[in-house]
Amino acid sequence: MEVKVLNSSKDAIDLEIGNITIAEILRVYLNKDSAVEFVAWRQDHPTKNPVLKVETKGKTAVKAIKDAVSAIEKDLGKIESDFSKLK
């Protein structure tokens, strides 16, 4: 999956993400972070990649995204473990 940084500052970042599902999952997890003041994605046209916009206060935008990715990995690990117990 390709991620391209379009704009970046300490408290805000715009990322072009190659997959709309990943953009939505990141949006959901970032919304759980109290330091994130705004997060949304937009897709200008179905042939274009979605752009995720993140604005934070008290934490850098990059740190918020890293924390969200860690939480996603943790949850996926738990799901994988739960499914492996079904055998």
N, C-alpha and C. Protein backbone atom coordinates (compact mmCIF):
# COMPACT_ATOMS: atom_id res chain seq x y z
N MET A 1 0.85 -1.17 0.00
CA MET A 1 0.00 0.00 0.00
C MET A 1 0.89 1.24 0.00
N GLU A 2 0.51 2.18 -0.80
CA GLU A 2 1.28 3.41 -0.92
C GLU A 2 0.65 4.52 -0.09
N VAL A 3 1.51 5.24 0.65
CA VAL A 3 1.08 6.40 1.43
C VAL A 3 1.97 7.56 1.02
N LYS A 4 1.35 8.67 0.67
CA LYS A 4 2.09 9.85 0.22
C LYS A 4 1.72 11.03 1.12
N VAL A 5 2.73 11.69 1.68
CA VAL A 5 2.50 12.87 2.51
C VAL A 5 2.30 14.07 1.58
N LEU A 6 1.14 14.69 1.67
CA LEU A 6 0.83 15.85 0.83
C LEU A 6 1.21 17.16 1.53
N ASN A 7 0.85 17.27 2.80
CA ASN A 7 1.17 18.45 3.63
C ASN A 7 1.47 17.94 5.03
N SER A 8 2.42 18.58 5.69
CA SER A 8 2.76 18.14 7.03
C SER A 8 3.26 19.30 7.88
N SER A 9 2.76 19.36 9.09
CA SER A 9 3.27 20.27 10.11
C SER A 9 3.22 19.49 11.43
N LYS A 10 3.60 20.13 12.50
CA LYS A 10 3.62 19.45 13.79
C LYS A 10 2.24 18.91 14.18
N ASP A 11 1.23 19.73 14.01
CA ASP A 11 -0.11 19.38 14.49
C ASP A 11 -1.10 18.98 13.40
N ALA A 12 -0.64 18.88 12.16
CA ALA A 12 -1.56 18.51 11.07
C ALA A 12 -0.80 17.78 9.97
N ILE A 13 -1.51 16.88 9.31
CA ILE A 13 -0.92 16.14 8.21
C ILE A 13 -2.02 15.73 7.24
N ASP A 14 -1.70 15.73 5.97
CA ASP A 14 -2.59 15.24 4.92
C ASP A 14 -1.87 14.09 4.23
N LEU A 15 -2.50 12.93 4.22
CA LEU A 15 -1.91 11.74 3.61
C LEU A 15 -2.78 11.23 2.48
N GLU A 16 -2.16 10.93 1.35
CA GLU A 16 -2.87 10.25 0.28
C GLU A 16 -2.62 8.76 0.49
N ILE A 17 -3.69 8.01 0.68
CA ILE A 17 -3.60 6.59 1.02
C ILE A 17 -4.14 5.78 -0.15
N GLY A 18 -3.44 4.73 -0.51
CA GLY A 18 -3.79 3.94 -1.68
C GLY A 18 -4.98 3.01 -1.51
N ASN A 19 -5.64 3.05 -0.35
CA ASN A 19 -6.73 2.12 -0.10
C ASN A 19 -7.79 2.81 0.76
N ILE A 20 -9.01 2.85 0.29
CA ILE A 20 -10.09 3.55 1.01
C ILE A 20 -10.43 2.84 2.33
N THR A 21 -10.29 1.52 2.36
CA THR A 21 -10.58 0.77 3.59
C THR A 21 -9.60 1.14 4.70
N ILE A 22 -8.33 1.26 4.36
CA ILE A 22 -7.32 1.64 5.35
C ILE A 22 -7.57 3.07 5.83
N ALA A 23 -7.95 3.96 4.94
CA ALA A 23 -8.26 5.33 5.34
C ALA A 23 -9.40 5.35 6.36
N GLU A 24 -10.42 4.55 6.13
CA GLU A 24 -11.56 4.51 7.05
C GLU A 24 -11.18 3.88 8.40
N ILE A 25 -10.40 2.82 8.37
CA ILE A 25 -9.97 2.20 9.63
C ILE A 25 -9.13 3.18 10.44
N LEU A 26 -8.21 3.86 9.78
CA LEU A 26 -7.40 4.86 10.48
C LEU A 26 -8.29 5.98 11.04
N ARG A 27 -9.27 6.41 10.30
CA ARG A 27 -10.17 7.47 10.78
C ARG A 27 -10.88 7.04 12.06
N VAL A 28 -11.37 5.80 12.08
CA VAL A 28 -12.09 5.29 13.25
C VAL A 28 -11.16 5.24 14.47
N TYR A 29 -9.96 4.70 14.29
CA TYR A 29 -9.03 4.59 15.43
C TYR A 29 -8.51 5.96 15.86
N LEU A 30 -8.26 6.86 14.94
CA LEU A 30 -7.80 8.20 15.30
C LEU A 30 -8.88 8.96 16.06
N ASN A 31 -10.14 8.73 15.76
CA ASN A 31 -11.23 9.38 16.49
C ASN A 31 -11.28 8.97 17.95
N LYS A 32 -10.69 7.84 18.30
CA LYS A 32 -10.66 7.39 19.69
C LYS A 32 -9.61 8.13 20.51
N ASP A 33 -8.69 8.81 19.86
CA ASP A 33 -7.59 9.51 20.53
C ASP A 33 -8.05 10.91 20.93
N SER A 34 -7.96 11.21 22.21
CA SER A 34 -8.42 12.52 22.70
C SER A 34 -7.56 13.67 22.19
N ALA A 35 -6.33 13.40 21.76
CA ALA A 35 -5.46 14.46 21.23
C ALA A 35 -5.80 14.83 19.79
N VAL A 36 -6.60 14.02 19.14
CA VAL A 36 -6.98 14.29 17.75
C VAL A 36 -8.21 15.19 17.76
N GLU A 37 -8.05 16.38 17.21
CA GLU A 37 -9.17 17.34 17.17
C GLU A 37 -10.03 17.16 15.92
N PHE A 38 -9.41 16.72 14.82
CA PHE A 38 -10.15 16.53 13.58
C PHE A 38 -9.48 15.43 12.77
N VAL A 39 -10.30 14.54 12.23
CA VAL A 39 -9.81 13.53 11.30
C VAL A 39 -10.94 13.19 10.33
N ALA A 40 -10.61 13.18 9.06
CA ALA A 40 -11.58 12.82 8.02
C ALA A 40 -10.80 12.47 6.76
N TRP A 41 -11.47 11.73 5.91
CA TRP A 41 -10.87 11.49 4.60
C TRP A 41 -11.85 11.93 3.54
N ARG A 42 -11.31 12.25 2.37
CA ARG A 42 -12.13 12.63 1.24
C ARG A 42 -11.56 11.98 -0.01
N GLN A 43 -12.43 11.76 -0.94
CA GLN A 43 -12.02 11.20 -2.22
C GLN A 43 -12.67 12.06 -3.31
N ASP A 44 -11.85 12.80 -4.03
CA ASP A 44 -12.37 13.74 -5.02
C ASP A 44 -13.08 13.04 -6.17
N HIS A 45 -12.65 11.84 -6.49
CA HIS A 45 -13.24 11.09 -7.61
C HIS A 45 -12.94 9.61 -7.38
N PRO A 46 -13.83 8.72 -7.79
CA PRO A 46 -13.59 7.28 -7.57
C PRO A 46 -12.27 6.76 -8.15
N THR A 47 -11.71 7.45 -9.13
CA THR A 47 -10.43 7.01 -9.70
C THR A 47 -9.24 7.57 -8.94
N LYS A 48 -9.48 8.44 -7.97
CA LYS A 48 -8.41 9.06 -7.18
C LYS A 48 -8.31 8.37 -5.81
N ASN A 49 -7.12 8.40 -5.24
CA ASN A 49 -6.92 7.85 -3.90
C ASN A 49 -7.51 8.79 -2.85
N PRO A 50 -7.99 8.23 -1.73
CA PRO A 50 -8.51 9.09 -0.66
C PRO A 50 -7.38 9.86 0.03
N VAL A 51 -7.72 11.01 0.56
CA VAL A 51 -6.78 11.84 1.31
C VAL A 51 -7.28 11.93 2.75
N LEU A 52 -6.44 11.51 3.69
CA LEU A 52 -6.77 11.55 5.12
C LEU A 52 -6.17 12.81 5.72
N LYS A 53 -7.00 13.60 6.41
CA LYS A 53 -6.54 14.82 7.07
C LYS A 53 -6.65 14.62 8.57
N VAL A 54 -5.54 14.88 9.27
CA VAL A 54 -5.49 14.71 10.73
C VAL A 54 -4.97 16.00 11.35
N GLU A 55 -5.70 16.50 12.35
CA GLU A 55 -5.28 17.67 13.12
C GLU A 55 -5.29 17.29 14.60
N THR A 56 -4.22 17.64 15.30
CA THR A 56 -4.08 17.25 16.71
C THR A 56 -3.77 18.45 17.60
N LYS A 57 -3.89 18.22 18.90
CA LYS A 57 -3.49 19.21 19.89
C LYS A 57 -2.89 18.44 21.07
N GLY A 58 -1.66 18.75 21.43
CA GLY A 58 -1.01 18.09 22.55
C GLY A 58 -0.20 16.87 22.15
N LYS A 59 -0.25 16.50 20.90
CA LYS A 59 0.49 15.36 20.37
C LYS A 59 0.71 15.64 18.89
N THR A 60 1.86 15.23 18.37
CA THR A 60 2.07 15.46 16.94
C THR A 60 1.14 14.55 16.13
N ALA A 61 0.84 14.99 14.94
CA ALA A 61 -0.04 14.21 14.06
C ALA A 61 0.60 12.87 13.71
N VAL A 62 1.91 12.87 13.50
CA VAL A 62 2.61 11.62 13.18
C VAL A 62 2.52 10.65 14.34
N LYS A 63 2.69 11.14 15.57
CA LYS A 63 2.59 10.28 16.76
C LYS A 63 1.19 9.71 16.89
N ALA A 64 0.17 10.52 16.62
CA ALA A 64 -1.21 10.04 16.70
C ALA A 64 -1.44 8.92 15.69
N ILE A 65 -0.91 9.07 14.48
CA ILE A 65 -1.07 8.03 13.47
C ILE A 65 -0.32 6.77 13.88
N LYS A 66 0.89 6.92 14.40
CA LYS A 66 1.66 5.75 14.86
C LYS A 66 0.92 5.03 15.99
N ASP A 67 0.33 5.78 16.90
CA ASP A 67 -0.43 5.17 17.99
C ASP A 67 -1.66 4.42 17.46
N ALA A 68 -2.33 5.00 16.46
CA ALA A 68 -3.50 4.35 15.86
C ALA A 68 -3.09 3.06 15.17
N VAL A 69 -1.99 3.09 14.44
CA VAL A 69 -1.51 1.89 13.75
C VAL A 69 -1.15 0.80 14.76
N SER A 70 -0.53 1.19 15.87
CA SER A 70 -0.20 0.22 16.93
C SER A 70 -1.46 -0.41 17.51
N ALA A 71 -2.48 0.40 17.73
CA ALA A 71 -3.75 -0.12 18.26
C ALA A 71 -4.41 -1.07 17.27
N ILE A 72 -4.35 -0.73 15.99
CA ILE A 72 -4.91 -1.60 14.96
C ILE A 72 -4.17 -2.94 14.94
N GLU A 73 -2.83 -2.88 14.99
CA GLU A 73 -2.03 -4.12 15.00
C GLU A 73 -2.37 -4.97 16.22
N LYS A 74 -2.53 -4.34 17.36
CA LYS A 74 -2.87 -5.07 18.58
C LYS A 74 -4.22 -5.77 18.44
N ASP A 75 -5.22 -5.05 17.94
CA ASP A 75 -6.55 -5.64 17.76
C ASP A 75 -6.53 -6.76 16.73
N LEU A 76 -5.77 -6.58 15.65
CA LEU A 76 -5.68 -7.63 14.64
C LEU A 76 -4.99 -8.88 15.19
N GLY A 77 -3.99 -8.68 16.05
CA GLY A 77 -3.33 -9.81 16.70
C GLY A 77 -4.29 -10.58 17.58
N LYS A 78 -5.14 -9.86 18.30
CA LYS A 78 -6.13 -10.52 19.16
C LYS A 78 -7.15 -11.28 18.31
N ILE A 79 -7.59 -10.68 17.21
CA ILE A 79 -8.54 -11.37 16.32
C ILE A 79 -7.90 -12.63 15.75
N GLU A 80 -6.66 -12.53 15.33
CA GLU A 80 -5.95 -13.69 14.79
C GLU A 80 -5.83 -14.79 15.84
N SER A 81 -5.53 -14.41 17.06
CA SER A 81 -5.43 -15.37 18.15
C SER A 81 -6.78 -16.04 18.43
N ASP A 82 -7.83 -15.25 18.44
CA ASP A 82 -9.17 -15.79 18.68
C ASP A 82 -9.57 -16.77 17.59
N PHE A 83 -9.25 -16.47 16.34
CA PHE A 83 -9.59 -17.36 15.25
C PHE A 83 -8.76 -18.65 15.30
N SER A 84 -7.52 -18.55 15.73
CA SER A 84 -6.69 -19.76 15.79
C SER A 84 -7.18 -20.72 16.88
N LYS A 85 -7.88 -20.21 17.88
CA LYS A 85 -8.44 -21.06 18.93
C LYS A 85 -9.67 -21.84 18.46
N LEU A 86 -10.24 -21.46 17.32
CA LEU A 86 -11.45 -22.11 16.81
C LEU A 86 -11.17 -23.47 16.20
N LYS A 87 -9.94 -23.83 15.97
CA LYS A 87 -9.60 -25.10 15.31
C LYS A 87 -10.05 -26.29 16.07
